[in-house]
PDB file of N, CA and C in Angstrom:
ATOM      1  N   MET A   1     105.380  83.536 117.193  1.00  0.00           N
ATOM      2  CA  MET A   1     106.281  82.427 116.324  1.00  0.00           C
ATOM      3  C   MET A   1     107.603  82.290 116.971  1.00  0.00           C
ATOM      4  N   THR A   2     108.396  82.691 118.059  1.00  0.00           N
ATOM      5  CA  THR A   2     109.482  82.208 118.684  1.00  0.00           C
ATOM      6  C   THR A   2     109.169  83.428 120.244  1.00  0.00           C
ATOM      7  N   SER A   3     109.486  82.377 120.863  1.00  0.00           N
ATOM      8  CA  SER A   3     109.967  82.485 122.446  1.00  0.00           C
ATOM      9  C   SER A   3     110.712  84.381 122.570  1.00  0.00           C
ATOM     10  N   GLY A   4     110.762  84.949 123.989  1.00  0.00           N
ATOM     11  CA  GLY A   4     110.700  85.981 123.947  1.00  0.00           C
ATOM     12  C   GLY A   4     110.688  86.523 125.293  1.00  0.00           C
ATOM     13  N   PRO A   5     111.347  87.647 126.335  1.00  0.00           N
ATOM     14  CA  PRO A   5     111.239  88.260 127.751  1.00  0.00           C
ATOM     15  C   PRO A   5     109.961  88.364 127.359  1.00  0.00           C
ATOM     16  N   ILE A   6     109.692  89.110 126.820  1.00  0.00           N
ATOM     17  CA  ILE A   6     108.264  90.105 126.619  1.00  0.00           C
ATOM     18  C   ILE A   6     106.933  89.315 126.752  1.00  0.00           C
ATOM     19  N   HIS A   7     106.434  88.381 127.900  1.00  0.00           N
ATOM     20  CA  HIS A   7     105.506  87.263 127.844  1.00  0.00           C
ATOM     21  C   HIS A   7     104.161  87.814 127.092  1.00  0.00           C
ATOM     22  N   ALA A   8     103.669  89.081 127.132  1.00  0.00           N
ATOM     23  CA  ALA A   8     102.337  89.747 127.110  1.00  0.00           C
ATOM     24  C   ALA A   8     102.516  89.463 125.757  1.00  0.00           C
ATOM     25  N   TYR A   9     103.660  89.944 125.160  1.00  0.00           N
ATOM     26  CA  TYR A   9     103.464  90.563 123.647  1.00  0.00           C
ATOM     27  C   TYR A   9     103.982  88.934 122.767  1.00  0.00           C
ATOM     28  N   THR A  10     104.643  87.628 123.563  1.00  0.00           N
ATOM     29  CA  THR A  10     105.062  86.935 122.566  1.00  0.00           C
ATOM     30  C   THR A  10     103.405  85.895 122.427  1.00  0.00           C
ATOM     31  N   ALA A  11     102.637  85.808 123.297  1.00  0.00           N
ATOM     32  CA  ALA A  11     101.283  85.421 124.040  1.00  0.00           C
ATOM     33  C   ALA A  11      99.944  86.614 123.055  1.00  0.00           C
ATOM     34  N   ALA A  12     100.442  87.961 122.986  1.00  0.00           N
ATOM     35  CA  ALA A  12      99.303  88.494 121.582  1.00  0.00           C
ATOM     36  C   ALA A  12      99.747  87.908 120.356  1.00  0.00           C
ATOM     37  N   LYS A  13     101.206  87.740 119.864  1.00  0.00           N
ATOM     38  CA  LYS A  13     101.324  87.616 118.883  1.00  0.00           C
ATOM     39  C   LYS A  13     100.861  86.142 118.396  1.00  0.00           C
ATOM     40  N   ALA A  14     100.988  85.070 118.718  1.00  0.00           N
ATOM     41  CA  ALA A  14     100.578  83.993 118.939  1.00  0.00           C
ATOM     42  C   ALA A  14      98.669  84.278 118.450  1.00  0.00           C
ATOM     43  N   GLY A  15      98.071  84.724 119.035  1.00  0.00           N
ATOM     44  CA  GLY A  15      96.449  84.815 119.143  1.00  0.00           C
ATOM     45  C   GLY A  15      96.430  85.873 118.088  1.00  0.00           C
ATOM     46  N   VAL A  16      96.721  87.101 116.863  1.00  0.00           N
ATOM     47  CA  VAL A  16      96.627  87.565 116.349  1.00  0.00           C
ATOM     48  C   VAL A  16      96.929  86.402 115.229  1.00  0.00           C
ATOM     49  N   ILE A  17      97.723  85.684 115.375  1.00  0.00           N
ATOM     50  CA  ILE A  17      97.947  84.489 114.382  1.00  0.00           C
ATOM     51  C   ILE A  17      96.800  83.699 114.026  1.00  0.00           C
ATOM     52  N   GLN A  18      96.520  83.020 115.134  1.00  0.00           N
ATOM     53  CA  GLN A  18      95.265  81.945 115.157  1.00  0.00           C
ATOM     54  C   GLN A  18      94.352  82.781 114.868  1.00  0.00           C
ATOM     55  N   ILE A  19      94.286  84.284 115.254  1.00  0.00           N
ATOM     56  CA  ILE A  19      92.940  84.744 115.180  1.00  0.00           C
ATOM     57  C   ILE A  19      92.839  85.360 113.425  1.00  0.00           C
ATOM     58  N   THR A  20      93.564  85.234 112.901  1.00  0.00           N
ATOM     59  CA  THR A  20      93.767  85.436 111.518  1.00  0.00           C
ATOM     60  C   THR A  20      93.447  84.030 110.809  1.00  0.00           C
ATOM     61  N   GLN A  21      94.088  83.136 110.815  1.00  0.00           N
ATOM     62  CA  GLN A  21      93.173  82.183 110.403  1.00  0.00           C
ATOM     63  C   GLN A  21      91.986  81.692 110.777  1.00  0.00           C
ATOM     64  N   THR A  22      91.381  82.074 111.737  1.00  0.00           N
ATOM     65  CA  THR A  22      89.965  81.300 112.504  1.00  0.00           C
ATOM     66  C   THR A  22      89.187  82.631 110.959  1.00  0.00           C
ATOM     67  N   LEU A  23      89.983  83.677 111.314  1.00  0.00           N
ATOM     68  CA  LEU A  23      88.683  84.556 110.260  1.00  0.00           C
ATOM     69  C   LEU A  23      88.641  84.021 108.850  1.00  0.00           C
ATOM     70  N   ALA A  24      89.761  83.577 108.762  1.00  0.00           N
ATOM     71  CA  ALA A  24      90.271  83.746 107.177  1.00  0.00           C
ATOM     72  C   ALA A  24      89.368  81.982 106.754  1.00  0.00           C
ATOM     73  N   ALA A  25      88.965  81.543 107.905  1.00  0.00           N
ATOM     74  CA  ALA A  25      88.193  80.138 107.066  1.00  0.00           C
ATOM     75  C   ALA A  25      86.798  80.609 107.458  1.00  0.00           C
ATOM     76  N   GLU A  26      86.608  81.359 108.040  1.00  0.00           N
ATOM     77  CA  GLU A  26      85.066  81.453 108.282  1.00  0.00           C
ATOM     78  C   GLU A  26      84.452  82.679 107.754  1.00  0.00           C
ATOM     79  N   TRP A  27      85.421  83.405 107.086  1.00  0.00           N
ATOM     80  CA  TRP A  27      84.639  84.254 106.028  1.00  0.00           C
ATOM     81  C   TRP A  27      85.459  84.268 104.343  1.00  0.00           C
ATOM     82  N   GLY A  28      86.221  83.434 104.400  1.00  0.00           N
ATOM     83  CA  GLY A  28      86.556  83.402 102.836  1.00  0.00           C
ATOM     84  C   GLY A  28      85.695  82.734 102.060  1.00  0.00           C
ATOM     85  N   ARG A  29      84.357  82.070 102.293  1.00  0.00           N
ATOM     86  CA  ARG A  29      83.496  82.032 101.300  1.00  0.00           C
ATOM     87  C   ARG A  29      82.678  83.220 101.110  1.00  0.00           C
ATOM     88  N   VAL A  30      82.669  84.164 101.549  1.00  0.00           N
ATOM     89  CA  VAL A  30      81.740  85.501 101.512  1.00  0.00           C
ATOM     90  C   VAL A  30      83.002  86.565 100.571  1.00  0.00           C
ATOM     91  N   GLY A  31      84.386  86.100 100.445  1.00  0.00           N
ATOM     92  CA  GLY A  31      85.248  86.404  99.888  1.00  0.00           C
ATOM     93  C   GLY A  31      85.857  88.038 100.672  1.00  0.00           C
ATOM     94  N   VAL A  32      86.197  87.287 101.827  1.00  0.00           N
ATOM     95  CA  VAL A  32      87.139  88.252 102.274  1.00  0.00           C
ATOM     96  C   VAL A  32      88.218  86.981 102.804  1.00  0.00           C
ATOM     97  N   ARG A  33      89.606  87.783 102.266  1.00  0.00           N
ATOM     98  CA  ARG A  33      90.940  87.678 102.663  1.00  0.00           C
ATOM     99  C   ARG A  33      90.953  88.105 103.668  1.00  0.00           C
ATOM    100  N   VAL A  34      91.447  87.046 104.908  1.00  0.00           N
ATOM    101  CA  VAL A  34      92.352  87.870 105.986  1.00  0.00           C
ATOM    102  C   VAL A  34      93.775  87.544 106.797  1.00  0.00           C
ATOM    103  N   ASN A  35      94.898  88.286 106.306  1.00  0.00           N
ATOM    104  CA  ASN A  35      96.143  87.581 106.621  1.00  0.00           C
ATOM    105  C   ASN A  35      96.692  88.638 107.377  1.00  0.00           C
ATOM    106  N   ALA A  36      98.379  88.059 108.221  1.00  0.00           N
ATOM    107  CA  ALA A  36      98.638  89.116 108.833  1.00  0.00           C
ATOM    108  C   ALA A  36     100.255  89.440 108.564  1.00  0.00           C
ATOM    109  N   VAL A  37     100.629  90.454 108.815  1.00  0.00           N
ATOM    110  CA  VAL A  37     102.338  90.568 108.329  1.00  0.00           C
ATOM    111  C   VAL A  37     102.750  90.865 109.997  1.00  0.00           C
ATOM    112  N   SER A  38     103.644  89.716 110.045  1.00  0.00           N
ATOM    113  CA  SER A  38     104.836  90.256 111.370  1.00  0.00           C
ATOM    114  C   SER A  38     106.949  90.521 110.970  1.00  0.00           C
ATOM    115  N   PRO A  39     106.225  91.621 110.866  1.00  0.00           N
ATOM    116  CA  PRO A  39     107.782  92.441 110.587  1.00  0.00           C
ATOM    117  C   PRO A  39     109.328  92.057 111.625  1.00  0.00           C
ATOM    118  N   GLY A  40     110.038  92.015 111.278  1.00  0.00           N
ATOM    119  CA  GLY A  40     111.005  91.535 112.263  1.00  0.00           C
ATOM    120  C   GLY A  40     111.129  92.906 112.819  1.00  0.00           C
ATOM    121  N   PHE A  41     112.668  93.076 113.573  1.00  0.00           N
ATOM    122  CA  PHE A  41     113.702  93.997 113.738  1.00  0.00           C
ATOM    123  C   PHE A  41     113.258  95.178 112.558  1.00  0.00           C
ATOM    124  N   THR A  42     112.871  96.107 112.774  1.00  0.00           N
ATOM    125  CA  THR A  42     112.929  96.772 111.474  1.00  0.00           C
ATOM    126  C   THR A  42     113.053  98.613 112.025  1.00  0.00           C
ATOM    127  N   ARG A  43     114.016  98.887 110.898  1.00  0.00           N
ATOM    128  CA  ARG A  43     114.480 100.140 111.522  1.00  0.00           C
ATOM    129  C   ARG A  43     114.001 101.536 111.090  1.00  0.00           C
ATOM    130  N   THR A  44     113.173 101.150 112.818  1.00  0.00           N
ATOM    131  CA  THR A  44     112.093 102.633 112.588  1.00  0.00           C
ATOM    132  C   THR A  44     112.988 103.813 113.750  1.00  0.00           C
ATOM    133  N   ALA A  45     112.388 104.863 114.042  1.00  0.00           N
ATOM    134  CA  ALA A  45     112.797 105.743 114.645  1.00  0.00           C
ATOM    135  C   ALA A  45     113.203 105.437 115.930  1.00  0.00           C
ATOM    136  N   MET A  46     111.995 104.332 116.385  1.00  0.00           N
ATOM    137  CA  MET A  46     112.110 104.174 118.205  1.00  0.00           C
ATOM    138  C   MET A  46     113.098 102.871 118.355  1.00  0.00           C
ATOM    139  N   LEU A  47     113.732 102.227 116.826  1.00  0.00           N
ATOM    140  CA  LEU A  47     114.428 101.287 117.235  1.00  0.00           C
ATOM    141  C   LEU A  47     115.714 101.848 116.830  1.00  0.00           C
ATOM    142  N   GLU A  48     116.128 102.531 116.281  1.00  0.00           N
ATOM    143  CA  GLU A  48     117.530 103.580 116.078  1.00  0.00           C
ATOM    144  C   GLU A  48     117.423 104.213 117.083  1.00  0.00           C
ATOM    145  N   ALA A  49     116.820 104.811 118.341  1.00  0.00           N
ATOM    146  CA  ALA A  49     117.173 105.647 119.152  1.00  0.00           C
ATOM    147  C   ALA A  49     117.153 104.533 120.046  1.00  0.00           C
ATOM    148  N   GLY A  50     116.612 103.049 120.758  1.00  0.00           N
ATOM    149  CA  GLY A  50     117.203 102.326 121.083  1.00  0.00           C
ATOM    150  C   GLY A  50     118.283 102.119 120.982  1.00  0.00           C
ATOM    151  N   ILE A  51     119.077 101.912 119.534  1.00  0.00           N
ATOM    152  CA  ILE A  51     120.339 101.507 119.479  1.00  0.00           C
ATOM    153  C   ILE A  51     121.466 102.542 120.034  1.00  0.00           C
ATOM    154  N   ALA A  52     120.430 103.547 119.458  1.00  0.00           N
ATOM    155  CA  ALA A  52     121.667 104.984 119.888  1.00  0.00           C
ATOM    156  C   ALA A  52     122.136 104.944 121.597  1.00  0.00           C
ATOM    157  N   SER A  53     121.095 104.597 122.184  1.00  0.00           N
ATOM    158  CA  SER A  53     120.993 105.061 124.033  1.00  0.00           C
ATOM    159  C   SER A  53     121.701 103.451 124.178  1.00  0.00           C
ATOM    160  N   GLY A  54     122.019 103.096 123.668  1.00  0.00           N
ATOM    161  CA  GLY A  54     122.648 101.561 124.411  1.00  0.00           C
ATOM    162  C   GLY A  54     121.541 100.557 124.834  1.00  0.00           C
ATOM    163  N   ALA A  55     120.619 100.857 124.353  1.00  0.00           N
ATOM    164  CA  ALA A  55     119.996  99.765 125.184  1.00  0.00           C
ATOM    165  C   ALA A  55     119.610  98.556 124.500  1.00  0.00           C
ATOM    166  N   LEU A  56     119.621  99.139 123.138  1.00  0.00           N
ATOM    167  CA  LEU A  56     119.408  97.551 122.243  1.00  0.00           C
ATOM    168  C   LEU A  56     121.049  98.027 121.620  1.00  0.00           C
ATOM    169  N   ASP A  57     121.260  96.620 120.967  1.00  0.00           N
ATOM    170  CA  ASP A  57     122.772  96.367 119.851  1.00  0.00           C
ATOM    171  C   ASP A  57     122.106  95.983 118.928  1.00  0.00           C
ATOM    172  N   LYS A  58     122.245  96.982 117.545  1.00  0.00           N
ATOM    173  CA  LYS A  58     122.508  96.351 116.378  1.00  0.00           C
ATOM    174  C   LYS A  58     122.859  94.976 115.593  1.00  0.00           C
ATOM    175  N   GLU A  59     124.364  94.688 116.603  1.00  0.00           N
ATOM    176  CA  GLU A  59     124.794  93.519 115.922  1.00  0.00           C
ATOM    177  C   GLU A  59     123.839  92.419 116.823  1.00  0.00           C
ATOM    178  N   LEU A  60     123.574  92.507 117.854  1.00  0.00           N
ATOM    179  CA  LEU A  60     122.491  91.413 118.065  1.00  0.00           C
ATOM    180  C   LEU A  60     121.522  91.088 117.407  1.00  0.00           C
ATOM    181  N   LEU A  61     120.417  92.069 116.573  1.00  0.00           N
ATOM    182  CA  LEU A  61     119.203  91.806 116.260  1.00  0.00           C
ATOM    183  C   LEU A  61     119.648  91.822 114.588  1.00  0.00           C
ATOM    184  N   SER A  62     120.604  92.057 114.374  1.00  0.00           N
ATOM    185  CA  SER A  62     120.909  91.860 113.105  1.00  0.00           C
ATOM    186  C   SER A  62     121.708  90.490 112.452  1.00  0.00           C
ATOM    187  N   ARG A  63     122.635  90.441 113.289  1.00  0.00           N
ATOM    188  CA  ARG A  63     123.507  88.592 113.269  1.00  0.00           C
ATOM    189  C   ARG A  63     122.457  87.737 113.065  1.00  0.00           C
ATOM    190  N   PRO A  64     121.432  87.154 114.065  1.00  0.00           N
ATOM    191  CA  PRO A  64     120.839  85.545 113.630  1.00  0.00           C
ATOM    192  C   PRO A  64     119.801  85.959 112.660  1.00  0.00           C
ATOM    193  N   SER A  65     119.962  87.250 111.727  1.00  0.00           N
ATOM    194  CA  SER A  65     118.773  87.349 110.414  1.00  0.00           C
ATOM    195  C   SER A  65     119.834  86.605 109.404  1.00  0.00           C
ATOM    196  N   ALA A  66     119.109  85.424 108.957  1.00  0.00           N
ATOM    197  CA  ALA A  66     120.062  85.168 107.408  1.00  0.00           C
ATOM    198  C   ALA A  66     120.633  85.926 106.579  1.00  0.00           C
ATOM    199  N   MET A  67     119.774  87.217 106.313  1.00  0.00           N
ATOM    200  CA  MET A  67     120.288  88.224 105.477  1.00  0.00           C
ATOM    201  C   MET A  67     121.767  89.267 106.709  1.00  0.00           C
ATOM    202  N   ASN A  68     121.519  89.195 107.673  1.00  0.00           N
ATOM    203  CA  ASN A  68     122.404  89.601 108.417  1.00  0.00           C
ATOM    204  C   ASN A  68     122.243  91.070 108.404  1.00  0.00           C
ATOM    205  N   ARG A  69     120.796  91.404 108.836  1.00  0.00           N
ATOM    206  CA  ARG A  69     120.763  92.828 108.733  1.00  0.00           C
ATOM    207  C   ARG A  69     119.261  92.858 108.928  1.00  0.00           C
ATOM    208  N   LEU A  70     118.594  94.346 109.583  1.00  0.00           N
ATOM    209  CA  LEU A  70     117.447  94.771 110.131  1.00  0.00           C
ATOM    210  C   LEU A  70     116.689  94.764 108.556  1.00  0.00           C
ATOM    211  N   VAL A  71     115.118  94.937 108.898  1.00  0.00           N
ATOM    212  CA  VAL A  71     114.268  95.057 107.476  1.00  0.00           C
ATOM    213  C   VAL A  71     114.227  96.746 107.987  1.00  0.00           C
ATOM    214  N   GLU A  72     113.973  96.915 106.682  1.00  0.00           N
ATOM    215  CA  GLU A  72     113.767  98.192 106.361  1.00  0.00           C
ATOM    216  C   GLU A  72     111.865  98.290 105.904  1.00  0.00           C
ATOM    217  N   PRO A  73     111.665  99.672 106.396  1.00  0.00           N
ATOM    218  CA  PRO A  73     110.035  99.850 106.895  1.00  0.00           C
ATOM    219  C   PRO A  73     109.617  99.831 105.647  1.00  0.00           C
ATOM    220  N   PHE A  74     110.082 100.247 104.417  1.00  0.00           N
ATOM    221  CA  PHE A  74     109.431 100.130 103.072  1.00  0.00           C
ATOM    222  C   PHE A  74     108.991  99.050 102.875  1.00  0.00           C
ATOM    223  N   GLU A  75     110.122  97.927 103.361  1.00  0.00           N
ATOM    224  CA  GLU A  75     110.075  96.371 102.885  1.00  0.00           C
ATOM    225  C   GLU A  75     108.660  95.761 103.553  1.00  0.00           C
ATOM    226  N   VAL A  76     108.384  96.130 105.010  1.00  0.00           N
ATOM    227  CA  VAL A  76     107.252  95.563 105.040  1.00  0.00           C
ATOM    228  C   VAL A  76     105.836  96.418 104.657  1.00  0.00           C
ATOM    229  N   ALA A  77     106.066  97.427 104.363  1.00  0.00           N
ATOM    230  CA  ALA A  77     105.238  98.241 102.967  1.00  0.00           C
ATOM    231  C   ALA A  77     104.722  97.853 102.361  1.00  0.00           C
ATOM    232  N   GLN A  78     105.886  96.954 101.187  1.00  0.00           N
ATOM    233  CA  GLN A  78     105.800  95.848 100.248  1.00  0.00           C
ATOM    234  C   GLN A  78     104.746  94.678 100.206  1.00  0.00           C
ATOM    235  N   ALA A  79     105.227  94.294 101.367  1.00  0.00           N
ATOM    236  CA  ALA A  79     104.745  93.134 101.777  1.00  0.00           C
ATOM    237  C   ALA A  79     103.102  93.387 101.993  1.00  0.00           C
ATOM    238  N   ILE A  80     102.891  94.529 102.476  1.00  0.00           N
ATOM    239  CA  ILE A  80     101.450  94.905 102.918  1.00  0.00           C
ATOM    240  C   ILE A  80     101.091  94.959 101.643  1.00  0.00           C
ATOM    241  N   ALA A  81     101.261  96.087 100.766  1.00  0.00           N
ATOM    242  CA  ALA A  81     100.737  96.139  99.527  1.00  0.00           C
ATOM    243  C   ALA A  81     100.682  95.511  98.538  1.00  0.00           C
ATOM    244  N   TRP A  82     101.299  94.042  98.151  1.00  0.00           N
ATOM    245  CA  TRP A  82     101.404  93.199  98.168  1.00  0.00           C
ATOM    246  C   TRP A  82      99.945  92.281  98.161  1.00  0.00           C
ATOM    247  N   LEU A  83      99.983  91.632  99.373  1.00  0.00           N
ATOM    248  CA  LEU A  83      98.815  91.484 100.469  1.00  0.00           C
ATOM    249  C   LEU A  83      97.276  92.278 100.125  1.00  0.00           C
ATOM    250  N   LEU A  84      97.210  93.678  99.770  1.00  0.00           N
ATOM    251  CA  LEU A  84      96.502  93.984  99.553  1.00  0.00           C
ATOM    252  C   LEU A  84      95.926  93.824  98.156  1.00  0.00           C
ATOM    253  N   SER A  85      96.982  93.795  97.036  1.00  0.00           N
ATOM    254  CA  SER A  85      96.878  94.056  95.339  1.00  0.00           C
ATOM    255  C   SER A  85      96.408  92.745  95.103  1.00  0.00           C
ATOM    256  N   PRO A  86      95.513  92.559  93.985  1.00  0.00           N
ATOM    257  CA  PRO A  86      95.545  91.461  93.258  1.00  0.00           C
ATOM    258  C   PRO A  86      96.076  90.128  93.339  1.00  0.00           C
ATOM    259  N   LYS A  87      97.195  90.666  93.113  1.00  0.00           N
ATOM    260  CA  LYS A  87      98.187  89.862  93.205  1.00  0.00           C
ATOM    261  C   LYS A  87      98.664  88.347  93.907  1.00  0.00           C
ATOM    262  N   SER A  88      97.946  88.779  95.463  1.00  0.00           N
ATOM    263  CA  SER A  88      97.595  88.043  95.938  1.00  0.00           C
ATOM    264  C   SER A  88      96.590  87.159  96.694  1.00  0.00           C
ATOM    265  N   SER A  89      95.877  87.201  95.138  1.00  0.00           N
ATOM    266  CA  SER A  89      93.916  87.203  95.458  1.00  0.00           C
ATOM    267  C   SER A  89      93.613  85.809  95.727  1.00  0.00           C
ATOM    268  N   GLY A  90      94.831  84.551  95.530  1.00  0.00           N
ATOM    269  CA  GLY A  90      94.353  83.213  95.862  1.00  0.00           C
ATOM    270  C   GLY A  90      95.515  83.509  97.556  1.00  0.00           C
ATOM    271  N   VAL A  91      95.223  84.479  98.458  1.00  0.00           N
ATOM    272  CA  VAL A  91      96.432  83.928  99.839  1.00  0.00           C
ATOM    273  C   VAL A  91      95.274  84.684 100.750  1.00  0.00           C
ATOM    274  N   THR A  92      95.103  83.431 101.584  1.00  0.00           N
ATOM    275  CA  THR A  92      94.401  84.269 102.936  1.00  0.00           C
ATOM    276  C   THR A  92      94.811  82.747 104.069  1.00  0.00           C
ATOM    277  N   GLY A  93      94.963  83.707 105.368  1.00  0.00           N
ATOM    278  CA  GLY A  93      94.737  83.172 106.611  1.00  0.00           C
ATOM    279  C   GLY A  93      96.442  82.573 106.442  1.00  0.00           C
ATOM    280  N   ILE A  94      97.383  83.606 106.069  1.00  0.00           N
ATOM    281  CA  ILE A  94      98.921  83.322 106.557  1.00  0.00           C
ATOM    282  C   ILE A  94      99.132  84.866 107.206  1.00  0.00           C
ATOM    283  N   ASN A  95     100.496  83.742 108.163  1.00  0.00           N
ATOM    284  CA  ASN A  95     101.127  85.270 108.683  1.00  0.00           C
ATOM    285  C   ASN A  95     102.460  85.516 108.230  1.00  0.00           C
ATOM    286  N   LEU A  96     102.684  86.227 107.402  1.00  0.00           N
ATOM    287  CA  LEU A  96     103.731  86.687 106.418  1.00  0.00           C
ATOM    288  C   LEU A  96     105.031  87.142 107.394  1.00  0.00           C
ATOM    289  N   PRO A  97     105.613  86.503 107.644  1.00  0.00           N
ATOM    290  CA  PRO A  97     106.807  87.372 108.152  1.00  0.00           C
ATOM    291  C   PRO A  97     107.829  87.944 107.003  1.00  0.00           C
ATOM    292  N   VAL A  98     107.891  89.276 107.937  1.00  0.00           N
ATOM    293  CA  VAL A  98     109.063  89.731 106.926  1.00  0.00           C
ATOM    294  C   VAL A  98     110.129  90.556 107.859  1.00  0.00           C
ATOM    295  N   ASP A  99     110.955  89.890 107.780  1.00  0.00           N
ATOM    296  CA  ASP A  99     112.042  89.446 109.169  1.00  0.00           C
ATOM    297  C   ASP A  99     113.676  89.358 108.815  1.00  0.00           C
ATOM    298  N   ALA A 100     113.590  89.532 107.324  1.00  0.00           N
ATOM    299  CA  ALA A 100     115.040  89.554 106.756  1.00  0.00           C
ATOM    300  C   ALA A 100     115.968  87.916 107.412  1.00  0.00           C
ATOM    301  N   GLY A 101     114.733  87.302 107.159  1.00  0.00           N
ATOM    302  CA  GLY A 101     115.495  85.826 107.516  1.00  0.00           C
ATOM    303  C   GLY A 101     115.742  85.766 109.650  1.00  0.00           C
ATOM    304  N   PHE A 102     115.223  86.248 109.859  1.00  0.00           N
ATOM    305  CA  PHE A 102     115.175  86.256 111.327  1.00  0.00           C
ATOM    306  C   PHE A 102     115.062  84.780 111.663  1.00  0.00           C
ATOM    307  N   ILE A 103     113.827  84.304 112.048  1.00  0.00           N
ATOM    308  CA  ILE A 103     113.207  83.414 112.275  1.00  0.00           C
ATOM    309  C   ILE A 103     114.023  81.738 111.457  1.00  0.00           C
ATOM    310  N   ALA A 104     114.398  82.110 110.326  1.00  0.00           N
ATOM    311  CA  ALA A 104     115.194  81.211 109.754  1.00  0.00           C
ATOM    312  C   ALA A 104     116.113  80.760 110.315  1.00  0.00           C
ATOM    313  N   GLY A 105     117.178  81.935 110.857  1.00  0.00           N
ATOM    314  CA  GLY A 105     118.437  81.504 110.805  1.00  0.00           C
ATOM    315  C   GLY A 105     118.792  81.692 112.664  1.00  0.00           C
ATOM    316  N   SER A 106     117.365  82.417 113.552  1.00  0.00           N
ATOM    317  CA  SER A 106     118.056  81.820 114.768  1.00  0.00           C
ATOM    318  C   SER A 106     118.210  80.690 115.583  1.00  0.00           C
ATOM    319  N   THR A 107     118.043  79.829 115.384  1.00  0.00           N
ATOM    320  CA  THR A 107     118.540  78.586 116.327  1.00  0.00           C
ATOM    321  C   THR A 107     119.888  78.316 115.423  1.00  0.00           C
ATOM    322  N   TRP A 108     119.935  78.764 114.887  1.00  0.00           N
ATOM    323  CA  TRP A 108     121.550  78.969 114.192  1.00  0.00           C
ATOM    324  C   TRP A 108     122.957  78.905 115.241  1.00  0.00           C
ATOM    325  N   ALA A 109     122.327  79.899 116.551  1.00  0.00           N
ATOM    326  CA  ALA A 109     123.237  79.976 117.011  1.00  0.00           C
ATOM    327  C   ALA A 109     123.617  79.001 117.793  1.00  0.00           C
ATOM    328  N   ALA A 110     122.878  77.976 117.756  1.00  0.00           N
ATOM    329  CA  ALA A 110     123.323  76.401 119.098  1.00  0.00           C
ATOM    330  C   ALA A 110     124.210  75.456 118.387  1.00  0.00           C
ATOM    331  N   TYR A 111     124.711  75.788 116.666  1.00  0.00           N
ATOM    332  CA  TYR A 111     125.415  75.173 116.057  1.00  0.00           C
ATOM    333  C   TYR A 111     126.928  76.008 115.448  1.00  0.00           C
ATOM    334  N   GLY A 112     126.846  77.680 115.951  1.00  0.00           N
ATOM    335  CA  GLY A 112     127.923  78.024 115.718  1.00  0.00           C
ATOM    336  C   GLY A 112     127.474  79.080 115.096  1.00  0.00           C
ATOM    337  N   GLY A 113     126.387  79.321 114.687  1.00  0.00           N
ATOM    338  CA  GLY A 113     126.076  80.665 114.330  1.00  0.00           C
ATOM    339  C   GLY A 113     126.179  80.371 112.413  1.00  0.00           C
ATOM    340  N   LEU A 114     125.649  81.018 112.086  1.00  0.00           N
ATOM    341  CA  LEU A 114     124.949  81.141 110.472  1.00  0.00           C
ATOM    342  C   LEU A 114     126.618  81.420 109.773  1.00  0.00           C
ATOM    343  N   PRO A 115     126.778  80.852 108.344  1.00  0.00           N
ATOM    344  CA  PRO A 115     127.723  80.506 107.825  1.00  0.00           C
ATOM    345  C   PRO A 115     128.385  82.050 107.207  1.00  0.00           C
ATOM    346  N   GLU A 116     129.318  82.779 107.218  1.00  0.00           N
ATOM    347  CA  GLU A 116     129.912  83.812 106.425  1.00  0.00           C
ATOM    348  C   GLU A 116     129.171  83.933 105.342  1.00  0.00           C
ATOM    349  N   ALA A 117     129.127  85.016 104.336  1.00  0.00           N
ATOM    350  CA  ALA A 117     128.704  85.347 102.782  1.00  0.00           C
ATOM    351  C   ALA A 117     130.176  84.785 102.612  1.00  0.00           C
ATOM    352  N   PRO A 118     129.900  83.973 101.369  1.00  0.00           N
ATOM    353  CA  PRO A 118     131.815  84.120 100.454  1.00  0.00           C
ATOM    354  C   PRO A 118     132.041  85.412 100.447  1.00  0.00           C
ATOM    355  N   GLU A 119     133.079  85.639 100.157  1.00  0.00           N
ATOM    356  CA  GLU A 119     133.603  86.788  99.605  1.00  0.00           C
ATOM    357  C   GLU A 119     133.707  87.314  98.209  1.00  0.00           C
ATOM    358  N   ALA A 120     133.350  88.670  97.700  1.00  0.00           N
ATOM    359  CA  ALA A 120     133.112  88.616  96.494  1.00  0.00           C
ATOM    360  C   ALA A 120     133.888  88.534  95.643  1.00  0.00           C
TER     361      ALA A 120
END
């Protein structure tokens, strides 16, 4: 969905998205729905360890996202639960980013960054 320095990962992600669409088209007529979920930077134990060690910078991971934050694991779980529920019965062949708006905001840096939130 975006480029990055981990070439195999980005190519694999593209492959997952494409096979999701292909299988959804192929299996949809027999009632099988196929969808993918693409979590953004999610506050997992591994990510927190990377931040604590200094290998990752929480600000650099959060700043490009429209919501200016990381994703919580339960948010990814809720998206998956919705896709598994009857509430999404008409949804197939999609890739659902759960990324706090990272994709939406990531290119704004070229234009000075995302605007600050208005003060309450």
